[in-house]
């Protein structure tokens, strides 16, 4: 034990305490003490200018793609409405709708546009005309109302005469025609609309005298 005098009192201190105190004081007073714990770690070098340039290029590329898509929608709308309508006001309104509202305008245009294109409408009209023409070419027998072809002379159902040949050109004529439209020859006599062929059941029925 080492005895130390402090204000007339003797205090017993263990051996080695002086060395421990001196070493603690030296560590506290050293210029590098505590800096290892409180100092922030160094950040890696980051090129913020390069990142900003890359983001700017990405934004420009995205804007160019969206602009091209927008113009493509406008062009497609113009071509589509031109194939469906010849009204210039309708064409202009459709294009402006997509030009201003973009995707929403395209959705509205698809809901309001004409259902058929001009080519489809023209084809449907031709089909209807052909169907009507086919119906008109099939005439009916004046006696039994059965359909007869344009080159029939008598009705196959009731054997009633429906046409007769021209005495000059041989073309078939309607019974009520007064002149042949093919050779311009007058038809001799007045033709009856429903003249039964000789020997047919209809002729026999017409030739019987009425019962009193």
C-alpha atoms as a PDB file:
ATOM      1  CA  UNK A   1       0.000   0.000   0.000  1.00  0.00           C
ATOM      2  CA  UNK A   2       1.168   3.562  -0.701  1.00  0.00           C
ATOM      3  CA  UNK A   3       0.343   6.217   1.794  1.00  0.00           C
ATOM      4  CA  UNK A   4      -0.546   9.734   0.473  1.00  0.00           C
ATOM      5  CA  UNK A   5      -0.904  12.852   2.568  1.00  0.00           C
ATOM      6  CA  UNK A   6      -3.916  15.020   1.744  1.00  0.00           C
ATOM      7  CA  UNK A   7      -4.617  17.976   4.054  1.00  0.00           C
ATOM      8  CA  UNK A   8      -3.034  16.316   6.991  1.00  0.00           C
ATOM      9  CA  UNK A   9      -4.857  13.093   6.442  1.00  0.00           C
ATOM     10  CA  UNK A  10      -3.270   9.885   5.381  1.00  0.00           C
ATOM     11  CA  UNK A  11      -5.206   8.087   2.662  1.00  0.00           C
ATOM     12  CA  UNK A  12      -4.316   4.621   1.656  1.00  0.00           C
ATOM     13  CA  UNK A  13      -4.228   4.062  -2.112  1.00  0.00           C
ATOM     14  CA  UNK A  14      -3.676   0.785  -3.855  1.00  0.00           C
ATOM     15  CA  UNK A  15      -0.599   0.267  -5.861  1.00  0.00           C
ATOM     16  CA  UNK A  16      -0.886   1.010  -9.581  1.00  0.00           C
ATOM     17  CA  UNK A  17      -3.665   3.603  -9.173  1.00  0.00           C
ATOM     18  CA  UNK A  18      -1.303   6.427 -10.185  1.00  0.00           C
ATOM     19  CA  UNK A  19      -0.485   4.724 -13.430  1.00  0.00           C
ATOM     20  CA  UNK A  20      -4.184   4.072 -14.169  1.00  0.00           C
ATOM     21  CA  UNK A  21      -5.098   7.697 -13.516  1.00  0.00           C
ATOM     22  CA  UNK A  22      -2.287   8.997 -15.682  1.00  0.00           C
ATOM     23  CA  UNK A  23      -3.199   6.712 -18.558  1.00  0.00           C
ATOM     24  CA  UNK A  24      -6.876   7.761 -18.354  1.00  0.00           C
ATOM     25  CA  UNK A  25      -5.897  11.429 -18.340  1.00  0.00           C
ATOM     26  CA  UNK A  26      -3.623  10.897 -21.301  1.00  0.00           C
ATOM     27  CA  UNK A  27      -6.385   9.186 -23.251  1.00  0.00           C
ATOM     28  CA  UNK A  28      -8.845  11.960 -22.417  1.00  0.00           C
ATOM     29  CA  UNK A  29      -6.444  14.725 -23.410  1.00  0.00           C
ATOM     30  CA  UNK A  30      -5.223  13.040 -26.587  1.00  0.00           C
ATOM     31  CA  UNK A  31      -6.334  14.910 -29.791  1.00  0.00           C
ATOM     32  CA  UNK A  32      -7.680  11.730 -31.480  1.00  0.00           C
ATOM     33  CA  UNK A  33      -9.780  10.529 -28.565  1.00  0.00           C
ATOM     34  CA  UNK A  34     -13.511  10.165 -29.403  1.00  0.00           C
ATOM     35  CA  UNK A  35     -13.196  11.176 -33.083  1.00  0.00           C
ATOM     36  CA  UNK A  36     -13.564   7.590 -34.301  1.00  0.00           C
ATOM     37  CA  UNK A  37     -17.039   7.312 -32.808  1.00  0.00           C
ATOM     38  CA  UNK A  38     -18.481  10.779 -33.615  1.00  0.00           C
ATOM     39  CA  UNK A  39     -17.114  11.264 -37.148  1.00  0.00           C
ATOM     40  CA  UNK A  40     -19.596  10.467 -40.086  1.00  0.00           C
ATOM     41  CA  UNK A  41     -18.487   7.819 -42.581  1.00  0.00           C
ATOM     42  CA  UNK A  42     -17.315   9.178 -45.890  1.00  0.00           C
ATOM     43  CA  UNK A  43     -19.908   8.909 -48.786  1.00  0.00           C
ATOM     44  CA  UNK A  44     -18.848   7.491 -52.153  1.00  0.00           C
ATOM     45  CA  UNK A  45     -18.355   9.965 -54.955  1.00  0.00           C
ATOM     46  CA  UNK A  46     -21.703  10.408 -56.857  1.00  0.00           C
ATOM     47  CA  UNK A  47     -21.904  12.235 -60.180  1.00  0.00           C
ATOM     48  CA  UNK A  48     -25.183  14.098 -59.725  1.00  0.00           C
ATOM     49  CA  UNK A  49     -24.708  15.920 -63.003  1.00  0.00           C
ATOM     50  CA  UNK A  50     -24.621  12.635 -64.937  1.00  0.00           C
ATOM     51  CA  UNK A  51     -27.754  11.408 -63.134  1.00  0.00           C
ATOM     52  CA  UNK A  52     -29.570  14.634 -63.974  1.00  0.00           C
ATOM     53  CA  UNK A  53     -28.551  14.353 -67.624  1.00  0.00           C
ATOM     54  CA  UNK A  54     -29.789  10.734 -67.787  1.00  0.00           C
ATOM     55  CA  UNK A  55     -33.141  11.680 -66.220  1.00  0.00           C
ATOM     56  CA  UNK A  56     -33.509  14.555 -68.650  1.00  0.00           C
ATOM     57  CA  UNK A  57     -32.828  12.275 -71.619  1.00  0.00           C
ATOM     58  CA  UNK A  58     -35.374   9.747 -70.285  1.00  0.00           C
ATOM     59  CA  UNK A  59     -38.003  12.456 -69.918  1.00  0.00           C
ATOM     60  CA  UNK A  60     -37.355  13.717 -73.459  1.00  0.00           C
ATOM     61  CA  UNK A  61     -37.592  10.196 -74.906  1.00  0.00           C
ATOM     62  CA  UNK A  62     -40.847   9.500 -73.026  1.00  0.00           C
ATOM     63  CA  UNK A  63     -42.304  12.791 -74.230  1.00  0.00           C
ATOM     64  CA  UNK A  64     -41.349  12.011 -77.830  1.00  0.00           C
ATOM     65  CA  UNK A  65     -43.007   8.578 -77.658  1.00  0.00           C
ATOM     66  CA  UNK A  66     -46.207  10.005 -76.161  1.00  0.00           C
ATOM     67  CA  UNK A  67     -46.302  12.773 -78.768  1.00  0.00           C
ATOM     68  CA  UNK A  68     -45.872  10.267 -81.609  1.00  0.00           C
ATOM     69  CA  UNK A  69     -48.630   8.092 -80.114  1.00  0.00           C
ATOM     70  CA  UNK A  70     -50.938  11.107 -79.826  1.00  0.00           C
ATOM     71  CA  UNK A  71     -50.341  12.147 -83.435  1.00  0.00           C
ATOM     72  CA  UNK A  72     -50.877   8.545 -84.552  1.00  0.00           C
ATOM     73  CA  UNK A  73     -54.290   8.535 -82.865  1.00  0.00           C
ATOM     74  CA  UNK A  74     -55.227  11.762 -84.651  1.00  0.00           C
ATOM     75  CA  UNK A  75     -54.167  10.405 -88.052  1.00  0.00           C
ATOM     76  CA  UNK A  76     -55.997   7.103 -87.489  1.00  0.00           C
ATOM     77  CA  UNK A  77     -59.164   8.957 -86.468  1.00  0.00           C
ATOM     78  CA  UNK A  78     -59.004  11.114 -89.605  1.00  0.00           C
ATOM     79  CA  UNK A  79     -58.642   8.096 -91.890  1.00  0.00           C
ATOM     80  CA  UNK A  80     -61.354   6.129 -90.097  1.00  0.00           C
ATOM     81  CA  UNK A  81     -63.948   8.899 -90.188  1.00  0.00           C
ATOM     82  CA  UNK A  82     -63.167   9.638 -93.842  1.00  0.00           C
ATOM     83  CA  UNK A  83     -64.005   6.012 -94.642  1.00  0.00           C
ATOM     84  CA  UNK A  84     -67.327   6.345 -92.823  1.00  0.00           C
ATOM     85  CA  UNK A  85     -68.588   9.827 -93.711  1.00  0.00           C
ATOM     86  CA  UNK A  86     -68.136  12.455 -96.424  1.00  0.00           C
ATOM     87  CA  UNK A  87     -69.448  15.264 -94.236  1.00  0.00           C
ATOM     88  CA  UNK A  88     -66.495  17.601 -93.609  1.00  0.00           C
ATOM     89  CA  UNK A  89     -68.038  18.956 -90.395  1.00  0.00           C
ATOM     90  CA  UNK A  90     -68.242  15.436 -88.954  1.00  0.00           C
ATOM     91  CA  UNK A  91     -64.648  14.775 -89.986  1.00  0.00           C
ATOM     92  CA  UNK A  92     -63.409  18.004 -88.388  1.00  0.00           C
ATOM     93  CA  UNK A  93     -65.284  17.429 -85.125  1.00  0.00           C
ATOM     94  CA  UNK A  94     -63.965  13.872 -84.823  1.00  0.00           C
ATOM     95  CA  UNK A  95     -60.360  14.954 -85.353  1.00  0.00           C
ATOM     96  CA  UNK A  96     -60.645  17.860 -82.890  1.00  0.00           C
ATOM     97  CA  UNK A  97     -62.204  15.556 -80.297  1.00  0.00           C
ATOM     98  CA  UNK A  98     -59.208  13.208 -80.363  1.00  0.00           C
ATOM     99  CA  UNK A  99     -56.740  16.098 -80.723  1.00  0.00           C
ATOM    100  CA  UNK A 100     -57.959  17.789 -77.541  1.00  0.00           C
ATOM    101  CA  UNK A 101     -58.989  14.888 -75.306  1.00  0.00           C
ATOM    102  CA  UNK A 102     -56.488  12.257 -76.493  1.00  0.00           C
ATOM    103  CA  UNK A 103     -57.427   8.782 -75.173  1.00  0.00           C
ATOM    104  CA  UNK A 104     -60.748   9.985 -73.746  1.00  0.00           C
ATOM    105  CA  UNK A 105     -61.582  11.623 -77.068  1.00  0.00           C
ATOM    106  CA  UNK A 106     -60.784   8.385 -78.895  1.00  0.00           C
ATOM    107  CA  UNK A 107     -63.128   6.450 -76.590  1.00  0.00           C
ATOM    108  CA  UNK A 108     -65.926   8.971 -77.260  1.00  0.00           C
ATOM    109  CA  UNK A 109     -65.263   8.793 -80.996  1.00  0.00           C
ATOM    110  CA  UNK A 110     -65.510   4.993 -80.999  1.00  0.00           C
ATOM    111  CA  UNK A 111     -68.884   5.272 -79.258  1.00  0.00           C
ATOM    112  CA  UNK A 112     -70.305   7.952 -81.583  1.00  0.00           C
ATOM    113  CA  UNK A 113     -68.837   7.074 -84.992  1.00  0.00           C
ATOM    114  CA  UNK A 114     -71.065   5.661 -87.787  1.00  0.00           C
ATOM    115  CA  UNK A 115     -71.524   1.924 -87.567  1.00  0.00           C
ATOM    116  CA  UNK A 116     -70.718   1.113 -91.208  1.00  0.00           C
ATOM    117  CA  UNK A 117     -68.058   2.366 -93.565  1.00  0.00           C
ATOM    118  CA  UNK A 118     -69.033   3.795 -96.926  1.00  0.00           C
ATOM    119  CA  UNK A 119     -67.755   0.669 -98.681  1.00  0.00           C
ATOM    120  CA  UNK A 120     -69.805  -1.597 -96.407  1.00  0.00           C
ATOM    121  CA  UNK A 121     -72.898   0.545 -96.931  1.00  0.00           C
ATOM    122  CA  UNK A 122     -72.421   0.491-100.704  1.00  0.00           C
ATOM    123  CA  UNK A 123     -71.986  -3.296-100.706  1.00  0.00           C
ATOM    124  CA  UNK A 124     -75.125  -3.743 -98.612  1.00  0.00           C
ATOM    125  CA  UNK A 125     -77.060  -1.514-101.023  1.00  0.00           C
ATOM    126  CA  UNK A 126     -75.909  -3.587-103.975  1.00  0.00           C
ATOM    127  CA  UNK A 127     -76.969  -6.786-102.218  1.00  0.00           C
ATOM    128  CA  UNK A 128     -80.419  -5.352-101.522  1.00  0.00           C
ATOM    129  CA  UNK A 129     -80.797  -4.241-105.144  1.00  0.00           C
ATOM    130  CA  UNK A 130     -79.734  -7.659-106.407  1.00  0.00           C
ATOM    131  CA  UNK A 131     -82.198  -9.331-104.058  1.00  0.00           C
ATOM    132  CA  UNK A 132     -85.035  -7.084-105.211  1.00  0.00           C
ATOM    133  CA  UNK A 133     -84.066  -7.651-108.828  1.00  0.00           C
ATOM    134  CA  UNK A 134     -84.160 -11.389-108.308  1.00  0.00           C
ATOM    135  CA  UNK A 135     -87.600 -11.136-106.756  1.00  0.00           C
ATOM    136  CA  UNK A 136     -88.885  -9.012-109.629  1.00  0.00           C
ATOM    137  CA  UNK A 137     -87.590 -11.388-112.297  1.00  0.00           C
ATOM    138  CA  UNK A 138     -89.718 -14.204-110.874  1.00  0.00           C
ATOM    139  CA  UNK A 139     -93.219 -13.307-112.049  1.00  0.00           C
ATOM    140  CA  UNK A 140     -96.388 -15.032-110.879  1.00  0.00           C
ATOM    141  CA  UNK A 141     -98.943 -17.025-112.784  1.00  0.00           C
ATOM    142  CA  UNK A 142    -102.117 -14.915-113.234  1.00  0.00           C
ATOM    143  CA  UNK A 143    -104.272 -17.970-112.558  1.00  0.00           C
ATOM    144  CA  UNK A 144    -102.719 -19.841-109.599  1.00  0.00           C
ATOM    145  CA  UNK A 145    -100.133 -17.271-108.444  1.00  0.00           C
ATOM    146  CA  UNK A 146     -97.338 -19.823-108.715  1.00  0.00           C
ATOM    147  CA  UNK A 147     -93.876 -18.405-109.493  1.00  0.00           C
ATOM    148  CA  UNK A 148     -92.864 -18.747-113.140  1.00  0.00           C
ATOM    149  CA  UNK A 149     -89.509 -18.055-114.773  1.00  0.00           C
ATOM    150  CA  UNK A 150     -89.011 -15.353-117.397  1.00  0.00           C
ATOM    151  CA  UNK A 151     -88.674 -17.948-120.206  1.00  0.00           C
ATOM    152  CA  UNK A 152     -91.783 -19.989-119.356  1.00  0.00           C
ATOM    153  CA  UNK A 153     -94.615 -20.108-121.936  1.00  0.00           C
ATOM    154  CA  UNK A 154     -97.124 -21.882-119.717  1.00  0.00           C
ATOM    155  CA  UNK A 155     -97.416 -22.284-115.951  1.00  0.00           C
ATOM    156  CA  UNK A 156     -96.168 -25.732-114.872  1.00  0.00           C
ATOM    157  CA  UNK A 157     -98.682 -25.806-112.038  1.00  0.00           C
ATOM    158  CA  UNK A 158    -101.977 -25.080-113.768  1.00  0.00           C
ATOM    159  CA  UNK A 159    -100.930 -25.153-117.467  1.00  0.00           C
ATOM    160  CA  UNK A 160    -102.096 -21.583-118.050  1.00  0.00           C
ATOM    161  CA  UNK A 161    -100.399 -19.684-120.864  1.00  0.00           C
ATOM    162  CA  UNK A 162     -98.287 -16.891-119.395  1.00  0.00           C
ATOM    163  CA  UNK A 163     -96.304 -15.814-122.499  1.00  0.00           C
ATOM    164  CA  UNK A 164     -96.333 -16.328-126.232  1.00  0.00           C
ATOM    165  CA  UNK A 165     -93.584 -16.110-128.862  1.00  0.00           C
ATOM    166  CA  UNK A 166     -93.357 -13.246-131.307  1.00  0.00           C
ATOM    167  CA  UNK A 167     -94.389 -14.300-134.783  1.00  0.00           C
ATOM    168  CA  UNK A 168     -91.514 -12.332-136.283  1.00  0.00           C
ATOM    169  CA  UNK A 169     -88.434 -12.794-134.040  1.00  0.00           C
ATOM    170  CA  UNK A 170     -89.540 -15.667-131.831  1.00  0.00           C
ATOM    171  CA  UNK A 171     -88.816 -13.882-128.536  1.00  0.00           C
ATOM    172  CA  UNK A 172     -91.222 -14.473-125.696  1.00  0.00           C
ATOM    173  CA  UNK A 173     -93.752 -11.700-125.076  1.00  0.00           C
ATOM    174  CA  UNK A 174     -96.080 -10.899-122.237  1.00  0.00           C
ATOM    175  CA  UNK A 175     -99.697 -11.619-123.032  1.00  0.00           C
ATOM    176  CA  UNK A 176    -100.747  -7.975-122.689  1.00  0.00           C
ATOM    177  CA  UNK A 177     -98.031  -6.534-124.953  1.00  0.00           C
ATOM    178  CA  UNK A 178     -99.318  -4.919-128.138  1.00  0.00           C
ATOM    179  CA  UNK A 179     -95.927  -4.729-129.862  1.00  0.00           C
ATOM    180  CA  UNK A 180     -92.727  -6.742-129.686  1.00  0.00           C
ATOM    181  CA  UNK A 181     -90.039  -4.652-127.927  1.00  0.00           C
ATOM    182  CA  UNK A 182     -87.255  -6.676-129.562  1.00  0.00           C
ATOM    183  CA  UNK A 183     -88.167  -6.366-133.250  1.00  0.00           C
ATOM    184  CA  UNK A 184     -90.811  -3.590-133.126  1.00  0.00           C
ATOM    185  CA  UNK A 185     -93.404  -5.756-134.850  1.00  0.00           C
ATOM    186  CA  UNK A 186     -97.039  -5.334-133.794  1.00  0.00           C
ATOM    187  CA  UNK A 187     -98.612  -8.280-132.049  1.00  0.00           C
ATOM    188  CA  UNK A 188    -101.618  -9.489-134.080  1.00  0.00           C
ATOM    189  CA  UNK A 189    -104.923  -9.469-132.156  1.00  0.00           C
ATOM    190  CA  UNK A 190    -105.642  -8.660-128.537  1.00  0.00           C
ATOM    191  CA  UNK A 191    -103.960 -11.059-126.113  1.00  0.00           C
ATOM    192  CA  UNK A 192    -105.740 -12.241-123.055  1.00  0.00           C
ATOM    193  CA  UNK A 193    -103.906 -12.254-119.754  1.00  0.00           C
ATOM    194  CA  UNK A 194    -104.755 -15.814-118.818  1.00  0.00           C
ATOM    195  CA  UNK A 195    -105.411 -18.000-121.823  1.00  0.00           C
ATOM    196  CA  UNK A 196    -105.374 -21.711-120.946  1.00  0.00           C
ATOM    197  CA  UNK A 197    -103.565 -24.076-123.239  1.00  0.00           C
ATOM    198  CA  UNK A 198    -105.809 -26.279-125.399  1.00  0.00           C
ATOM    199  CA  UNK A 199    -106.689 -29.510-123.653  1.00  0.00           C
ATOM    200  CA  UNK A 200    -105.733 -28.293-120.172  1.00  0.00           C
ATOM    201  CA  UNK A 201    -108.112 -28.784-117.207  1.00  0.00           C
ATOM    202  CA  UNK A 202    -108.450 -25.025-116.866  1.00  0.00           C
ATOM    203  CA  UNK A 203    -109.660 -24.717-120.450  1.00  0.00           C
ATOM    204  CA  UNK A 204    -112.219 -27.451-119.857  1.00  0.00           C
ATOM    205  CA  UNK A 205    -113.503 -25.671-116.792  1.00  0.00           C
ATOM    206  CA  UNK A 206    -113.761 -22.363-118.632  1.00  0.00           C
ATOM    207  CA  UNK A 207    -115.500 -23.901-121.685  1.00  0.00           C
ATOM    208  CA  UNK A 208    -118.307 -25.513-119.689  1.00  0.00           C
ATOM    209  CA  UNK A 209    -121.567 -23.601-119.790  1.00  0.00           C
ATOM    210  CA  UNK A 210    -122.777 -22.167-116.552  1.00  0.00           C
ATOM    211  CA  UNK A 211    -125.406 -24.296-114.792  1.00  0.00           C
ATOM    212  CA  UNK A 212    -128.750 -22.531-114.516  1.00  0.00           C
END
